[in-house]
Amino acid sequence: MSDLVPLVQAHCIPRRGSEHRLPEARVRELLPEIPGWELAEEGKALVRTFGFKDYYRTMSFVNALAHMANREDHHPDLSVHYDRCVVRYSTHDVGGLSENDFICAARASALAT
């Protein structure tokens, strides 16, 4: 991913192997680009809770997120509730965070606005 392309406009590419795991310094550089997201699991995952007025809006977000995840071939773990959805990104094939997690986090945030 080029630093000139905003995360929300970038696209995921397949990443397998620990060489694609982002070093802590790069994670700290990218984190400010996705406001509202937090590091979890000792820096191996990104997590954010999206709040909504009701179940219909929550499910609309979940469906839009599922469509985007399928298109990018990078799928989050979700915890869906009446008025919120907890989204967790991590790249299992690299054993932590990859650029794909930051790209999809930025795209998920854009869906919620």
Protein backbone atom coordinates (compact mmCIF):
# COMPACT_ATOMS: atom_id res chain seq x y z
CA MET A 1 0.00 0.00 0.00
CA SER A 2 1.31 3.40 -0.90
CA ASP A 3 1.33 6.01 1.84
CA LEU A 4 -0.15 8.39 -0.74
CA VAL A 5 -3.40 6.42 -1.03
CA PRO A 6 -5.82 6.97 1.87
CA LEU A 7 -6.65 3.73 3.68
CA VAL A 8 -10.35 4.05 2.82
CA GLN A 9 -9.48 4.06 -0.90
CA ALA A 10 -6.94 1.21 -0.80
CA HIS A 11 -7.80 -2.41 -1.54
CA CYS A 12 -6.77 -5.57 0.22
CA ILE A 13 -4.31 -8.00 -1.30
CA PRO A 14 -3.72 -11.57 -0.09
CA ARG A 15 -1.19 -11.64 2.74
CA ARG A 16 0.15 -14.90 4.14
CA GLY A 17 3.13 -15.48 6.35
CA SER A 18 4.65 -13.60 9.24
CA GLU A 19 6.63 -11.34 6.90
CA HIS A 20 3.35 -9.47 6.28
CA ARG A 21 2.74 -8.83 9.99
CA LEU A 22 3.10 -5.12 10.66
CA PRO A 23 5.81 -4.09 13.11
CA GLU A 24 4.68 -2.16 16.17
CA ALA A 25 6.12 1.10 14.81
CA ARG A 26 4.02 0.84 11.64
CA VAL A 27 0.91 -0.04 13.65
CA ARG A 28 1.43 3.12 15.75
CA GLU A 29 1.80 5.18 12.53
CA LEU A 30 -1.43 3.84 11.04
CA LEU A 31 -3.62 3.86 14.17
CA PRO A 32 -4.29 7.64 14.08
CA GLU A 33 -5.70 7.20 10.56
CA ILE A 34 -8.59 5.14 11.93
CA PRO A 35 -10.11 7.18 14.79
CA GLY A 36 -12.22 5.21 17.24
CA TRP A 37 -10.34 1.95 16.72
CA GLU A 38 -8.28 0.43 19.53
CA LEU A 39 -5.56 -2.15 19.72
CA ALA A 40 -6.59 -5.37 21.45
CA GLU A 41 -5.05 -8.72 22.28
CA GLU A 42 -1.60 -7.28 22.93
CA GLY A 43 -1.57 -5.41 19.63
CA LYS A 44 -2.68 -8.36 17.50
CA ALA A 45 -6.16 -7.03 16.67
CA LEU A 46 -8.13 -3.86 15.97
CA VAL A 47 -11.49 -3.45 17.71
CA ARG A 48 -14.25 -0.86 17.55
CA THR A 49 -17.82 -0.75 18.78
CA PHE A 50 -20.26 0.98 16.42
CA GLY A 51 -23.44 2.24 18.07
CA PHE A 52 -26.82 2.62 16.36
CA LYS A 53 -30.32 3.82 17.27
CA ASP A 54 -32.01 0.46 16.73
CA TYR A 55 -31.72 -3.09 15.44
CA TYR A 56 -32.64 -2.17 11.87
CA ARG A 57 -29.74 0.31 11.61
CA THR A 58 -27.37 -2.16 13.27
CA MET A 59 -28.29 -4.86 10.76
CA SER A 60 -28.04 -2.44 7.85
CA PHE A 61 -24.45 -1.71 8.91
CA VAL A 62 -23.70 -5.43 9.36
CA ASN A 63 -25.03 -6.21 5.87
CA ALA A 64 -23.03 -3.39 4.28
CA LEU A 65 -19.93 -4.53 6.18
CA ALA A 66 -20.46 -8.12 5.02
CA HIS A 67 -20.69 -6.94 1.41
CA MET A 68 -17.47 -4.92 1.73
CA ALA A 69 -15.68 -7.79 3.50
CA ASN A 70 -16.66 -10.19 0.75
CA ARG A 71 -15.49 -7.77 -1.95
CA GLU A 72 -12.13 -7.24 -0.19
CA ASP A 73 -11.85 -10.94 0.80
CA HIS A 74 -10.95 -9.88 4.34
CA HIS A 75 -13.49 -10.76 6.99
CA PRO A 76 -13.91 -9.40 10.52
CA ASP A 77 -15.17 -11.11 13.63
CA LEU A 78 -18.48 -9.54 14.62
CA SER A 79 -20.53 -9.38 17.79
CA VAL A 80 -23.99 -8.10 16.88
CA HIS A 81 -26.40 -6.64 19.43
CA TYR A 82 -29.66 -4.65 19.26
CA ASP A 83 -28.02 -1.21 19.13
CA ARG A 84 -24.36 -1.92 18.43
CA CYS A 85 -21.88 -4.06 16.57
CA VAL A 86 -18.40 -4.87 17.82
CA VAL A 87 -15.98 -5.32 14.90
CA ARG A 88 -12.62 -7.05 15.31
CA TYR A 89 -9.96 -7.26 12.61
CA SER A 90 -6.84 -9.41 12.65
CA THR A 91 -5.09 -11.30 9.88
CA HIS A 92 -4.91 -14.91 11.00
CA ASP A 93 -2.56 -15.89 8.16
CA VAL A 94 0.12 -13.48 9.41
CA GLY A 95 -0.43 -13.97 13.14
CA GLY A 96 -1.38 -10.37 13.90
CA LEU A 97 -2.13 -7.14 12.09
CA SER A 98 -1.57 -6.54 8.40
CA GLU A 99 -2.29 -3.54 6.21
CA ASN A 100 -5.54 -5.26 5.20
CA ASP A 101 -6.86 -4.82 8.75
CA PHE A 102 -6.28 -1.06 8.61
CA ILE A 103 -7.80 -0.79 5.14
CA CYS A 104 -10.96 -2.61 6.20
CA ALA A 105 -11.17 -0.71 9.49
CA ALA A 106 -11.12 2.56 7.56
CA ARG A 107 -13.78 1.25 5.18
CA ALA A 108 -15.97 0.04 8.07
CA SER A 109 -15.76 3.48 9.68
CA ALA A 110 -16.81 5.07 6.39
CA LEU A 111 -19.86 2.78 6.22
CA ALA A 112 -21.00 3.98 9.64
CA THR A 113 -20.95 7.69 8.77
